[in-house]
Amino acid sequence: MLDSASLRKAAATVASFALFFGGWWAVSRFSAIPPYLLPSPQAVFATLVAALSSAIPGVHIWSDAWLSLQRQLLGFACAVAIGVPLAIASGYVQGVFVGVDRFLRVVYPIPTFSWIPLVLIWFGPGGQAITFMVAISAFWPIYMQTYQGTRYLTTRFRYLWVAQALGADRMSIARAILFPGTLPFMLNGLRLGYGEAWRLLIAAEIILATAGLGHMIEVSRSMLEVTRIMAGMAMIGFLGFLVERFAFDRIERLTIGRWRPSPAR
């Protein structure tokens, strides 16, 4: 049976969705905006169902979604594989990696989309270019959050000092203290990086791809099919929600509650 807190959350969720879709329906129904520019929620839902049922010629939403997910996960995995160990090293071994951190902070302000001309020259349009762009986009929040967590842990908590005083080597400290203690910051960076990567992926597919959800949206735009554009956007939001709900939330429940560090007093 749901407790009062769960009931309040459920009620707030239902109310927010009702307000959004009710306002959308009212504007599409009573405003002077023509339906081909602002279709009703019912029309978008019907288009989404038709696309999911493969009933729209030329629209392959399942294969496009799978291709987009592959690109996104590959780029995201590359960002994690580089960003997490580099951030932990930069935060823990300052004498060696301080130069790397300073260099990355100079590169950080460069907008991700400014890489597109170079990416087109290096890879040409297609999957490799999109994966590279996704990796760059996801790298920054992953690196920044993990680095800040490592620095916070190494400067504010006494566990490292005790371990060092007892003769623990750096690998043991990293495995038993740094990784669990940095995990809350790291997971926050992974969540932010995943969101950045997903948004960048769709934008990159609009420009660089010949398949994928972003490309489907761009083709629909060229045909003035606003209902297909919104159906594609709904699919993007739904996939992002699934990952948030069944991946990151589950990982946080299994790890952060167990490993969250306590500040030194």
C-alpha atoms as a PDB file:
ATOM      1  CA  MET A   1       0.000   0.000   0.000  1.00  0.00           C
ATOM      2  CA  LEU A   2       1.309   3.444  -0.885  1.00  0.00           C
ATOM      3  CA  ASP A   3       2.241   5.777   1.949  1.00  0.00           C
ATOM      4  CA  SER A   4       1.282   9.444   2.067  1.00  0.00           C
ATOM      5  CA  ALA A   5       4.589  10.635   0.579  1.00  0.00           C
ATOM      6  CA  SER A   6       4.218   8.290  -2.410  1.00  0.00           C
ATOM      7  CA  LEU A   7       0.634   9.395  -2.905  1.00  0.00           C
ATOM      8  CA  ARG A   8       1.672  13.048  -2.910  1.00  0.00           C
ATOM      9  CA  LYS A   9       4.378  12.358  -5.478  1.00  0.00           C
ATOM     10  CA  ALA A  10       1.938  10.433  -7.671  1.00  0.00           C
ATOM     11  CA  ALA A  11      -0.650  13.200  -7.393  1.00  0.00           C
ATOM     12  CA  ALA A  12       1.913  15.868  -8.274  1.00  0.00           C
ATOM     13  CA  THR A  13       3.061  13.833 -11.297  1.00  0.00           C
ATOM     14  CA  VAL A  14      -0.487  13.337 -12.560  1.00  0.00           C
ATOM     15  CA  ALA A  15      -1.300  17.012 -11.997  1.00  0.00           C
ATOM     16  CA  SER A  16       1.777  18.197 -13.913  1.00  0.00           C
ATOM     17  CA  PHE A  17       1.017  15.969 -16.895  1.00  0.00           C
ATOM     18  CA  ALA A  18      -2.652  16.952 -16.837  1.00  0.00           C
ATOM     19  CA  LEU A  19      -1.729  20.640 -16.763  1.00  0.00           C
ATOM     20  CA  PHE A  20       0.725  20.258 -19.644  1.00  0.00           C
ATOM     21  CA  PHE A  21      -1.506  18.216 -21.932  1.00  0.00           C
ATOM     22  CA  GLY A  22      -4.611  20.175 -20.967  1.00  0.00           C
ATOM     23  CA  GLY A  23      -2.897  23.456 -21.822  1.00  0.00           C
ATOM     24  CA  TRP A  24      -1.566  22.002 -25.070  1.00  0.00           C
ATOM     25  CA  TRP A  25      -5.041  20.746 -26.059  1.00  0.00           C
ATOM     26  CA  ALA A  26      -6.655  24.082 -25.191  1.00  0.00           C
ATOM     27  CA  VAL A  27      -4.148  26.080 -27.254  1.00  0.00           C
ATOM     28  CA  SER A  28      -4.430  23.725 -30.236  1.00  0.00           C
ATOM     29  CA  ARG A  29      -8.230  23.708 -30.005  1.00  0.00           C
ATOM     30  CA  PHE A  30      -9.097  27.341 -29.348  1.00  0.00           C
ATOM     31  CA  SER A  31      -6.173  29.397 -30.641  1.00  0.00           C
ATOM     32  CA  ALA A  32      -5.724  30.741 -34.160  1.00  0.00           C
ATOM     33  CA  ILE A  33      -2.692  28.492 -34.750  1.00  0.00           C
ATOM     34  CA  PRO A  34      -3.504  26.093 -37.610  1.00  0.00           C
ATOM     35  CA  PRO A  35      -3.433  22.342 -36.814  1.00  0.00           C
ATOM     36  CA  TYR A  36      -0.606  21.661 -39.261  1.00  0.00           C
ATOM     37  CA  LEU A  37       1.636  23.914 -37.132  1.00  0.00           C
ATOM     38  CA  LEU A  38       0.367  22.879 -33.695  1.00  0.00           C
ATOM     39  CA  PRO A  39      -1.434  19.535 -33.798  1.00  0.00           C
ATOM     40  CA  SER A  40      -3.452  18.310 -30.855  1.00  0.00           C
ATOM     41  CA  PRO A  41      -2.108  15.751 -28.363  1.00  0.00           C
ATOM     42  CA  GLN A  42      -4.535  13.204 -29.806  1.00  0.00           C
ATOM     43  CA  ALA A  43      -3.101  13.650 -33.304  1.00  0.00           C
ATOM     44  CA  VAL A  44       0.474  13.291 -32.078  1.00  0.00           C
ATOM     45  CA  PHE A  45      -0.410  10.204 -30.048  1.00  0.00           C
ATOM     46  CA  ALA A  46      -2.132   8.624 -33.049  1.00  0.00           C
ATOM     47  CA  THR A  47       0.929   9.336 -35.200  1.00  0.00           C
ATOM     48  CA  LEU A  48       3.228   7.835 -32.572  1.00  0.00           C
ATOM     49  CA  VAL A  49       1.103   4.683 -32.359  1.00  0.00           C
ATOM     50  CA  ALA A  50       1.089   4.404 -36.150  1.00  0.00           C
ATOM     51  CA  ALA A  51       4.870   4.847 -36.279  1.00  0.00           C
ATOM     52  CA  LEU A  52       5.403   2.235 -33.568  1.00  0.00           C
ATOM     53  CA  SER A  53       3.128  -0.112 -35.533  1.00  0.00           C
ATOM     54  CA  SER A  54       5.162   0.507 -38.722  1.00  0.00           C
ATOM     55  CA  ALA A  55       2.000   1.815 -40.371  1.00  0.00           C
ATOM     56  CA  ILE A  56       3.603   4.963 -41.829  1.00  0.00           C
ATOM     57  CA  PRO A  57       5.500   4.396 -45.090  1.00  0.00           C
ATOM     58  CA  GLY A  58       9.103   5.508 -44.895  1.00  0.00           C
ATOM     59  CA  VAL A  59       9.097   5.868 -41.086  1.00  0.00           C
ATOM     60  CA  HIS A  60      11.128   3.218 -39.240  1.00  0.00           C
ATOM     61  CA  ILE A  61      11.025   4.503 -35.698  1.00  0.00           C
ATOM     62  CA  TRP A  62      12.175   1.266 -34.029  1.00  0.00           C
ATOM     63  CA  SER A  63      15.295   0.872 -36.152  1.00  0.00           C
ATOM     64  CA  ASP A  64      16.001   4.609 -35.894  1.00  0.00           C
ATOM     65  CA  ALA A  65      15.664   4.486 -32.104  1.00  0.00           C
ATOM     66  CA  TRP A  66      17.951   1.438 -31.856  1.00  0.00           C
ATOM     67  CA  LEU A  67      20.581   3.096 -34.044  1.00  0.00           C
ATOM     68  CA  SER A  68      20.443   6.292 -31.988  1.00  0.00           C
ATOM     69  CA  LEU A  69      20.795   4.316 -28.760  1.00  0.00           C
ATOM     70  CA  GLN A  70      23.817   2.462 -30.127  1.00  0.00           C
ATOM     71  CA  ARG A  71      25.542   5.705 -31.073  1.00  0.00           C
ATOM     72  CA  GLN A  72      24.675   7.307 -27.781  1.00  0.00           C
ATOM     73  CA  LEU A  73      25.824   4.392 -25.628  1.00  0.00           C
ATOM     74  CA  LEU A  74      29.085   3.990 -27.555  1.00  0.00           C
ATOM     75  CA  GLY A  75      29.964   7.670 -27.239  1.00  0.00           C
ATOM     76  CA  PHE A  76      28.891   7.706 -23.602  1.00  0.00           C
ATOM     77  CA  ALA A  77      31.010   4.634 -22.831  1.00  0.00           C
ATOM     78  CA  CYS A  78      34.059   6.298 -24.409  1.00  0.00           C
ATOM     79  CA  ALA A  79      33.473   9.409 -22.290  1.00  0.00           C
ATOM     80  CA  VAL A  80      33.201   7.325 -19.109  1.00  0.00           C
ATOM     81  CA  ALA A  81      36.286   5.248 -19.934  1.00  0.00           C
ATOM     82  CA  ILE A  82      38.377   8.405 -20.386  1.00  0.00           C
ATOM     83  CA  GLY A  83      36.726  10.893 -18.046  1.00  0.00           C
ATOM     84  CA  VAL A  84      36.428   8.886 -14.818  1.00  0.00           C
ATOM     85  CA  PRO A  85      40.014   7.602 -14.449  1.00  0.00           C
ATOM     86  CA  LEU A  86      41.451  10.897 -15.697  1.00  0.00           C
ATOM     87  CA  ALA A  87      39.384  12.878 -13.182  1.00  0.00           C
ATOM     88  CA  ILE A  88      40.313  10.619 -10.263  1.00  0.00           C
ATOM     89  CA  ALA A  89      43.988  10.828 -11.217  1.00  0.00           C
ATOM     90  CA  SER A  90      43.795  14.607 -11.609  1.00  0.00           C
ATOM     91  CA  GLY A  91      42.172  14.991  -8.219  1.00  0.00           C
ATOM     92  CA  TYR A  92      44.390  12.558  -6.341  1.00  0.00           C
ATOM     93  CA  VAL A  93      47.858  12.820  -7.933  1.00  0.00           C
ATOM     94  CA  GLN A  94      48.009  16.582  -8.221  1.00  0.00           C
ATOM     95  CA  GLY A  95      51.713  16.833  -8.920  1.00  0.00           C
ATOM     96  CA  VAL A  96      51.438  14.704 -12.055  1.00  0.00           C
ATOM     97  CA  PHE A  97      48.051  15.622 -13.473  1.00  0.00           C
ATOM     98  CA  VAL A  98      47.622  19.281 -12.539  1.00  0.00           C
ATOM     99  CA  GLY A  99      48.794  20.225 -16.048  1.00  0.00           C
ATOM    100  CA  VAL A 100      46.182  17.943 -17.604  1.00  0.00           C
ATOM    101  CA  ASP A 101      43.442  19.532 -15.529  1.00  0.00           C
ATOM    102  CA  ARG A 102      44.536  23.052 -16.467  1.00  0.00           C
ATOM    103  CA  PHE A 103      44.632  22.101 -20.151  1.00  0.00           C
ATOM    104  CA  LEU A 104      41.148  20.595 -20.018  1.00  0.00           C
ATOM    105  CA  ARG A 105      39.764  23.690 -18.317  1.00  0.00           C
ATOM    106  CA  VAL A 106      41.093  25.772 -21.205  1.00  0.00           C
ATOM    107  CA  VAL A 107      39.473  23.469 -23.765  1.00  0.00           C
ATOM    108  CA  TYR A 108      36.176  23.235 -21.835  1.00  0.00           C
ATOM    109  CA  PRO A 109      34.717  26.614 -22.967  1.00  0.00           C
ATOM    110  CA  ILE A 110      34.924  25.566 -26.639  1.00  0.00           C
ATOM    111  CA  PRO A 111      31.316  24.807 -27.733  1.00  0.00           C
ATOM    112  CA  THR A 112      30.768  21.201 -28.746  1.00  0.00           C
ATOM    113  CA  PHE A 113      29.197  22.192 -32.063  1.00  0.00           C
ATOM    114  CA  SER A 114      32.335  24.095 -33.042  1.00  0.00           C
ATOM    115  CA  TRP A 115      33.961  20.681 -33.491  1.00  0.00           C
ATOM    116  CA  ILE A 116      31.631  19.844 -36.397  1.00  0.00           C
ATOM    117  CA  PRO A 117      33.869  21.227 -39.203  1.00  0.00           C
ATOM    118  CA  LEU A 118      36.847  19.229 -37.902  1.00  0.00           C
ATOM    119  CA  VAL A 119      34.708  16.140 -37.341  1.00  0.00           C
ATOM    120  CA  LEU A 120      33.416  16.310 -40.912  1.00  0.00           C
ATOM    121  CA  ILE A 121      36.986  16.519 -42.211  1.00  0.00           C
ATOM    122  CA  TRP A 122      38.243  13.706 -39.980  1.00  0.00           C
ATOM    123  CA  PHE A 123      35.342  11.246 -40.206  1.00  0.00           C
ATOM    124  CA  GLY A 124      32.867  12.569 -42.759  1.00  0.00           C
ATOM    125  CA  PRO A 125      29.120  12.478 -42.042  1.00  0.00           C
ATOM    126  CA  GLY A 126      27.887   9.328 -40.370  1.00  0.00           C
ATOM    127  CA  GLY A 127      28.093   7.237 -37.232  1.00  0.00           C
ATOM    128  CA  GLN A 128      31.753   7.827 -36.336  1.00  0.00           C
ATOM    129  CA  ALA A 129      31.341  11.582 -36.434  1.00  0.00           C
ATOM    130  CA  ILE A 130      28.214  11.424 -34.261  1.00  0.00           C
ATOM    131  CA  THR A 131      29.842   9.072 -31.739  1.00  0.00           C
ATOM    132  CA  PHE A 132      32.818  11.438 -31.455  1.00  0.00           C
ATOM    133  CA  MET A 133      30.527  14.407 -30.838  1.00  0.00           C
ATOM    134  CA  VAL A 134      28.550  12.462 -28.229  1.00  0.00           C
ATOM    135  CA  ALA A 135      31.741  11.481 -26.416  1.00  0.00           C
ATOM    136  CA  ILE A 136      32.934  15.093 -26.248  1.00  0.00           C
ATOM    137  CA  SER A 137      29.570  16.274 -24.954  1.00  0.00           C
ATOM    138  CA  ALA A 138      29.359  13.600 -22.240  1.00  0.00           C
ATOM    139  CA  PHE A 139      33.000  13.893 -21.191  1.00  0.00           C
ATOM    140  CA  TRP A 140      32.800  17.322 -19.559  1.00  0.00           C
ATOM    141  CA  PRO A 141      30.149  16.785 -16.866  1.00  0.00           C
ATOM    142  CA  ILE A 142      31.572  13.338 -16.100  1.00  0.00           C
ATOM    143  CA  TYR A 143      35.092  14.693 -15.694  1.00  0.00           C
ATOM    144  CA  MET A 144      34.136  17.852 -13.789  1.00  0.00           C
ATOM    145  CA  GLN A 145      31.863  16.122 -11.278  1.00  0.00           C
ATOM    146  CA  THR A 146      34.255  13.226 -10.657  1.00  0.00           C
ATOM    147  CA  TYR A 147      37.203  15.583 -10.298  1.00  0.00           C
ATOM    148  CA  GLN A 148      35.368  17.783  -7.794  1.00  0.00           C
ATOM    149  CA  GLY A 149      34.340  14.709  -5.815  1.00  0.00           C
ATOM    150  CA  THR A 150      37.913  13.424  -5.700  1.00  0.00           C
ATOM    151  CA  ARG A 151      39.281  16.789  -4.583  1.00  0.00           C
ATOM    152  CA  TYR A 152      36.554  17.099  -1.950  1.00  0.00           C
ATOM    153  CA  LEU A 153      37.368  13.656  -0.627  1.00  0.00           C
ATOM    154  CA  THR A 154      41.126  14.154  -0.549  1.00  0.00           C
ATOM    155  CA  THR A 155      40.940  17.520   1.230  1.00  0.00           C
ATOM    156  CA  ARG A 156      37.956  17.179   3.583  1.00  0.00           C
ATOM    157  CA  PHE A 157      37.928  13.590   4.821  1.00  0.00           C
ATOM    158  CA  ARG A 158      40.269  11.925   7.282  1.00  0.00           C
ATOM    159  CA  TYR A 159      39.991   8.397   5.888  1.00  0.00           C
ATOM    160  CA  LEU A 160      42.784   9.051   3.409  1.00  0.00           C
ATOM    161  CA  TRP A 161      45.069  10.374   6.124  1.00  0.00           C
ATOM    162  CA  VAL A 162      44.426   7.345   8.312  1.00  0.00           C
ATOM    163  CA  ALA A 163      44.994   4.935   5.425  1.00  0.00           C
ATOM    164  CA  GLN A 164      48.217   6.666   4.460  1.00  0.00           C
ATOM    165  CA  ALA A 165      49.407   6.670   8.075  1.00  0.00           C
ATOM    166  CA  LEU A 166      48.746   2.918   8.255  1.00  0.00           C
ATOM    167  CA  GLY A 167      50.875   2.346   5.169  1.00  0.00           C
ATOM    168  CA  ALA A 168      48.186   1.667   2.531  1.00  0.00           C
ATOM    169  CA  ASP A 169      49.428   1.962  -1.036  1.00  0.00           C
ATOM    170  CA  ARG A 170      47.756   4.209  -3.599  1.00  0.00           C
ATOM    171  CA  MET A 171      45.948   1.398  -5.412  1.00  0.00           C
ATOM    172  CA  SER A 172      44.414   0.149  -2.169  1.00  0.00           C
ATOM    173  CA  ILE A 173      43.357   3.677  -1.236  1.00  0.00           C
ATOM    174  CA  ALA A 174      41.824   4.218  -4.661  1.00  0.00           C
ATOM    175  CA  ARG A 175      39.920   0.926  -4.531  1.00  0.00           C
ATOM    176  CA  ALA A 176      38.704   1.053  -0.930  1.00  0.00           C
ATOM    177  CA  ILE A 177      38.278   4.797  -0.298  1.00  0.00           C
ATOM    178  CA  LEU A 178      38.487   6.988  -3.392  1.00  0.00           C
ATOM    179  CA  PHE A 179      36.097   5.053  -5.614  1.00  0.00           C
ATOM    180  CA  PRO A 180      33.300   4.533  -3.052  1.00  0.00           C
ATOM    181  CA  GLY A 181      33.683   8.060  -1.679  1.00  0.00           C
ATOM    182  CA  THR A 182      33.681   9.694  -5.081  1.00  0.00           C
ATOM    183  CA  LEU A 183      30.767   7.600  -6.365  1.00  0.00           C
ATOM    184  CA  PRO A 184      27.957  10.063  -5.480  1.00  0.00           C
ATOM    185  CA  PHE A 185      29.721  12.820  -7.429  1.00  0.00           C
ATOM    186  CA  MET A 186      30.580  10.413 -10.214  1.00  0.00           C
ATOM    187  CA  LEU A 187      26.999   9.204 -10.608  1.00  0.00           C
ATOM    188  CA  ASN A 188      25.785  12.774 -10.726  1.00  0.00           C
ATOM    189  CA  GLY A 189      28.295  13.420 -13.508  1.00  0.00           C
ATOM    190  CA  LEU A 190      27.194  10.276 -15.334  1.00  0.00           C
ATOM    191  CA  ARG A 191      23.561  11.337 -15.142  1.00  0.00           C
ATOM    192  CA  LEU A 192      24.366  14.835 -16.418  1.00  0.00           C
ATOM    193  CA  GLY A 193      26.703  13.445 -19.067  1.00  0.00           C
ATOM    194  CA  TYR A 194      24.085  11.013 -20.295  1.00  0.00           C
ATOM    195  CA  GLY A 195      21.542  13.796 -20.662  1.00  0.00           C
ATOM    196  CA  GLU A 196      24.034  16.011 -22.485  1.00  0.00           C
ATOM    197  CA  ALA A 197      25.012  13.133 -24.763  1.00  0.00           C
ATOM    198  CA  TRP A 198      21.386  12.328 -25.603  1.00  0.00           C
ATOM    199  CA  ARG A 199      20.553  15.925 -26.482  1.00  0.00           C
ATOM    200  CA  LEU A 200      23.724  16.349 -28.516  1.00  0.00           C
ATOM    201  CA  LEU A 201      23.096  13.056 -30.307  1.00  0.00           C
ATOM    202  CA  ILE A 202      19.727  14.166 -31.672  1.00  0.00           C
ATOM    203  CA  ALA A 203      21.105  17.526 -32.785  1.00  0.00           C
ATOM    204  CA  ALA A 204      24.109  15.852 -34.423  1.00  0.00           C
ATOM    205  CA  GLU A 205      21.895  13.344 -36.219  1.00  0.00           C
ATOM    206  CA  ILE A 206      19.864  16.201 -37.676  1.00  0.00           C
ATOM    207  CA  ILE A 207      23.068  17.561 -39.247  1.00  0.00           C
ATOM    208  CA  LEU A 208      25.340  14.564 -39.798  1.00  0.00           C
ATOM    209  CA  ALA A 209      23.239  11.407 -40.098  1.00  0.00           C
ATOM    210  CA  THR A 210      21.221   9.599 -42.734  1.00  0.00           C
ATOM    211  CA  ALA A 211      19.372   7.485 -40.147  1.00  0.00           C
ATOM    212  CA  GLY A 212      18.363   7.747 -36.500  1.00  0.00           C
ATOM    213  CA  LEU A 213      15.716   9.634 -34.550  1.00  0.00           C
ATOM    214  CA  GLY A 214      17.324  12.999 -35.272  1.00  0.00           C
ATOM    215  CA  HIS A 215      17.366  12.251 -38.982  1.00  0.00           C
ATOM    216  CA  MET A 216      13.727  11.144 -38.823  1.00  0.00           C
ATOM    217  CA  ILE A 217      12.829  14.478 -37.239  1.00  0.00           C
ATOM    218  CA  GLU A 218      14.768  16.377 -39.905  1.00  0.00           C
ATOM    219  CA  VAL A 219      13.056  14.470 -42.730  1.00  0.00           C
ATOM    220  CA  SER A 220       9.687  15.169 -41.115  1.00  0.00           C
ATOM    221  CA  ARG A 221      10.579  18.875 -40.923  1.00  0.00           C
ATOM    222  CA  SER A 222      11.391  18.966 -44.619  1.00  0.00           C
ATOM    223  CA  MET A 223       7.948  17.472 -45.296  1.00  0.00           C
ATOM    224  CA  LEU A 224       6.187  19.807 -42.816  1.00  0.00           C
ATOM    225  CA  GLU A 225       4.975  16.770 -40.854  1.00  0.00           C
ATOM    226  CA  VAL A 226       4.732  18.374 -37.438  1.00  0.00           C
ATOM    227  CA  THR A 227       2.923  15.393 -35.900  1.00  0.00           C
ATOM    228  CA  ARG A 228       5.845  13.134 -36.893  1.00  0.00           C
ATOM    229  CA  ILE A 229       8.315  15.609 -35.426  1.00  0.00           C
ATOM    230  CA  MET A 230       6.441  15.635 -32.116  1.00  0.00           C
ATOM    231  CA  ALA A 231       6.074  11.847 -32.197  1.00  0.00           C
ATOM    232  CA  GLY A 232       9.844  11.568 -32.597  1.00  0.00           C
ATOM    233  CA  MET A 233      10.349  13.992 -29.713  1.00  0.00           C
ATOM    234  CA  ALA A 234       8.000  11.913 -27.554  1.00  0.00           C
ATOM    235  CA  MET A 235      10.002   8.787 -28.381  1.00  0.00           C
ATOM    236  CA  ILE A 236      13.228  10.566 -27.418  1.00  0.00           C
ATOM    237  CA  GLY A 237      11.761  11.676 -24.091  1.00  0.00           C
ATOM    238  CA  PHE A 238      10.387   8.214 -23.352  1.00  0.00           C
ATOM    239  CA  LEU A 239      13.716   6.497 -24.022  1.00  0.00           C
ATOM    240  CA  GLY A 240      15.521   9.023 -21.830  1.00  0.00           C
ATOM    241  CA  PHE A 241      13.004   8.441 -19.045  1.00  0.00           C
ATOM    242  CA  LEU A 242      13.514   4.679 -19.218  1.00  0.00           C
ATOM    243  CA  VAL A 243      17.272   5.016 -18.813  1.00  0.00           C
ATOM    244  CA  GLU A 244      16.876   7.494 -15.947  1.00  0.00           C
ATOM    245  CA  ARG A 245      14.307   5.353 -14.160  1.00  0.00           C
ATOM    246  CA  PHE A 246      15.712   1.871 -14.629  1.00  0.00           C
ATOM    247  CA  ALA A 247      19.465   2.523 -14.834  1.00  0.00           C
ATOM    248  CA  PHE A 248      20.654   5.567 -12.896  1.00  0.00           C
ATOM    249  CA  ASP A 249      17.999   5.478 -10.174  1.00  0.00           C
ATOM    250  CA  ARG A 250      18.635   1.786  -9.565  1.00  0.00           C
ATOM    251  CA  ILE A 251      22.420   2.226  -9.466  1.00  0.00           C
ATOM    252  CA  GLU A 252      22.071   5.096  -6.980  1.00  0.00           C
ATOM    253  CA  ARG A 253      19.849   3.037  -4.696  1.00  0.00           C
ATOM    254  CA  LEU A 254      22.293   0.128  -4.747  1.00  0.00           C
ATOM    255  CA  THR A 255      25.462   2.146  -4.192  1.00  0.00           C
ATOM    256  CA  ILE A 256      25.143   5.658  -2.780  1.00  0.00           C
ATOM    257  CA  GLY A 257      23.121   4.646   0.271  1.00  0.00           C
ATOM    258  CA  ARG A 258      25.826   2.129   1.117  1.00  0.00           C
ATOM    259  CA  TRP A 259      28.966   4.100   0.280  1.00  0.00           C
ATOM    260  CA  ARG A 260      28.092   7.755   0.917  1.00  0.00           C
ATOM    261  CA  PRO A 261      30.965   9.204   2.983  1.00  0.00           C
ATOM    262  CA  SER A 262      30.489  11.069   6.249  1.00  0.00           C
ATOM    263  CA  PRO A 263      32.302  14.400   6.748  1.00  0.00           C
ATOM    264  CA  ALA A 264      35.127  14.522   9.233  1.00  0.00           C
ATOM    265  CA  ARG A 265      34.169  16.264  12.460  1.00  0.00           C
END
